[in-house]
Amino acid sequence: MTNGSSNRVLDELAKLVTDAAGAAQGVRREVETAFRGQAERLLNTMDVVQREDFEAVREMAIRARAENTALLARIEALEALVGQKDEAGKPAKSGPAAGRTKKE
């Protein structure tokens, strides 16, 4: 064997290895795609929530909790204010009949 023929054999071998590596990557991508498809179908049958949906609802719950806390503080402040007026001798208006006259 001469140097030229051994180089040609090595070149062919390198090309064969490169082609095999490319084919292996293609097979890997196909397997990953198939696996993801199967996993997605399985999760859909299990009625599992997607992460994006979960995060959106979580943020809504956090905002609602903060709003409820703020409203509770306002209610308590208003109740305290009404209680102070009651103690000062002014009649407190409460209930649906509050503020109505006999003519109504």
Protein backbone atom coordinates (compact mmCIF):
# COMPACT_ATOMS: atom_id res chain seq x y z
CA MET A 1 0.00 0.00 0.00
CA THR A 2 1.30 3.39 -0.89
CA ASN A 3 0.76 6.60 0.93
CA GLY A 4 -1.78 7.80 -1.63
CA SER A 5 -3.98 4.76 -1.24
CA SER A 6 -3.80 4.82 2.57
CA ASN A 7 -4.79 8.49 2.55
CA ARG A 8 -7.70 7.65 0.28
CA VAL A 9 -8.79 4.86 2.64
CA LEU A 10 -8.51 7.19 5.63
CA ASP A 11 -10.47 9.88 3.78
CA GLU A 12 -13.21 7.37 2.96
CA LEU A 13 -13.23 6.15 6.57
CA ALA A 14 -13.48 9.73 7.86
CA LYS A 15 -16.32 10.41 5.45
CA LEU A 16 -18.09 7.24 6.58
CA VAL A 17 -17.72 8.21 10.26
CA THR A 18 -18.99 11.74 9.53
CA ASP A 19 -22.00 10.39 7.65
CA ALA A 20 -22.73 7.94 10.47
CA ALA A 21 -22.55 10.74 13.05
CA GLY A 22 -24.94 12.86 10.99
CA ALA A 23 -27.33 9.92 10.65
CA ALA A 24 -27.12 9.29 14.41
CA GLN A 25 -28.02 12.92 15.12
CA GLY A 26 -30.98 12.64 12.74
CA VAL A 27 -32.18 9.50 14.50
CA ARG A 28 -31.70 11.22 17.87
CA ARG A 29 -33.86 14.17 16.74
CA GLU A 30 -36.57 11.82 15.49
CA VAL A 31 -36.56 9.87 18.77
CA GLU A 32 -36.76 13.11 20.79
CA THR A 33 -39.67 14.35 18.66
CA ALA A 34 -41.51 11.06 19.02
CA PHE A 35 -40.88 11.00 22.76
CA ARG A 36 -42.12 14.56 23.21
CA GLY A 37 -45.24 13.77 21.20
CA GLN A 38 -45.96 10.69 23.32
CA ALA A 39 -45.28 12.59 26.55
CA GLU A 40 -47.58 15.43 25.47
CA ARG A 41 -50.38 12.98 24.60
CA LEU A 42 -49.92 11.23 27.95
CA LEU A 43 -50.04 14.52 29.86
CA ASN A 44 -53.14 15.60 27.94
CA THR A 45 -54.95 12.40 28.90
CA MET A 46 -53.95 12.96 32.53
CA ASP A 47 -55.50 16.45 32.46
CA VAL A 48 -52.27 18.11 33.62
CA VAL A 49 -52.07 21.92 33.47
CA GLN A 50 -49.34 23.46 31.34
CA ARG A 51 -46.75 25.55 33.18
CA GLU A 52 -47.73 28.79 31.42
CA ASP A 53 -51.38 28.38 32.43
CA PHE A 54 -50.41 27.55 36.01
CA GLU A 55 -48.20 30.63 36.27
CA ALA A 56 -50.94 32.88 34.85
CA VAL A 57 -53.52 31.63 37.36
CA ARG A 58 -50.97 31.86 40.17
CA GLU A 59 -50.33 35.54 39.35
CA MET A 60 -54.08 36.20 39.27
CA ALA A 61 -54.45 34.58 42.71
CA ILE A 62 -51.61 36.66 44.13
CA ARG A 63 -53.19 39.88 42.82
CA ALA A 64 -56.64 38.86 44.13
CA ARG A 65 -55.21 38.10 47.57
CA ALA A 66 -53.50 41.51 47.70
CA GLU A 67 -56.71 43.21 46.59
CA ASN A 68 -58.73 41.34 49.22
CA THR A 69 -56.26 42.38 51.92
CA ALA A 70 -56.51 46.03 50.84
CA LEU A 71 -60.31 45.88 50.77
CA LEU A 72 -60.41 44.28 54.22
CA ALA A 73 -58.26 47.12 55.57
CA ARG A 74 -60.63 49.69 54.00
CA ILE A 75 -63.67 47.93 55.50
CA GLU A 76 -62.06 47.86 58.93
CA ALA A 77 -61.19 51.56 58.65
CA LEU A 78 -64.76 52.42 57.61
CA GLU A 79 -66.21 50.31 60.42
CA ALA A 80 -63.94 52.08 62.90
CA LEU A 81 -65.04 55.44 61.51
CA VAL A 82 -68.72 54.49 61.78
CA GLY A 83 -68.10 53.22 65.31
CA GLN A 84 -66.53 56.56 66.29
CA LYS A 85 -69.55 58.44 64.95
CA ASP A 86 -71.91 56.16 66.90
CA GLU A 87 -70.01 56.88 70.10
CA ALA A 88 -70.19 60.63 69.44
CA GLY A 89 -73.99 60.48 69.53
CA LYS A 90 -74.74 60.61 65.83
CA PRO A 91 -77.05 57.91 64.55
CA ALA A 92 -75.32 55.29 62.45
CA LYS A 93 -76.87 54.56 59.09
CA SER A 94 -76.97 50.87 58.41
CA GLY A 95 -79.14 48.39 56.58
CA PRO A 96 -81.41 48.89 53.58
CA ALA A 97 -83.88 51.15 55.42
CA ALA A 98 -81.22 53.63 56.54
CA GLY A 99 -81.90 57.15 55.34
CA ARG A 100 -85.50 56.50 54.23
CA THR A 101 -88.39 58.62 55.34
CA LYS A 102 -91.93 57.45 56.15
CA LYS A 103 -93.20 58.67 52.76
CA GLU A 104 -91.08 56.16 50.82
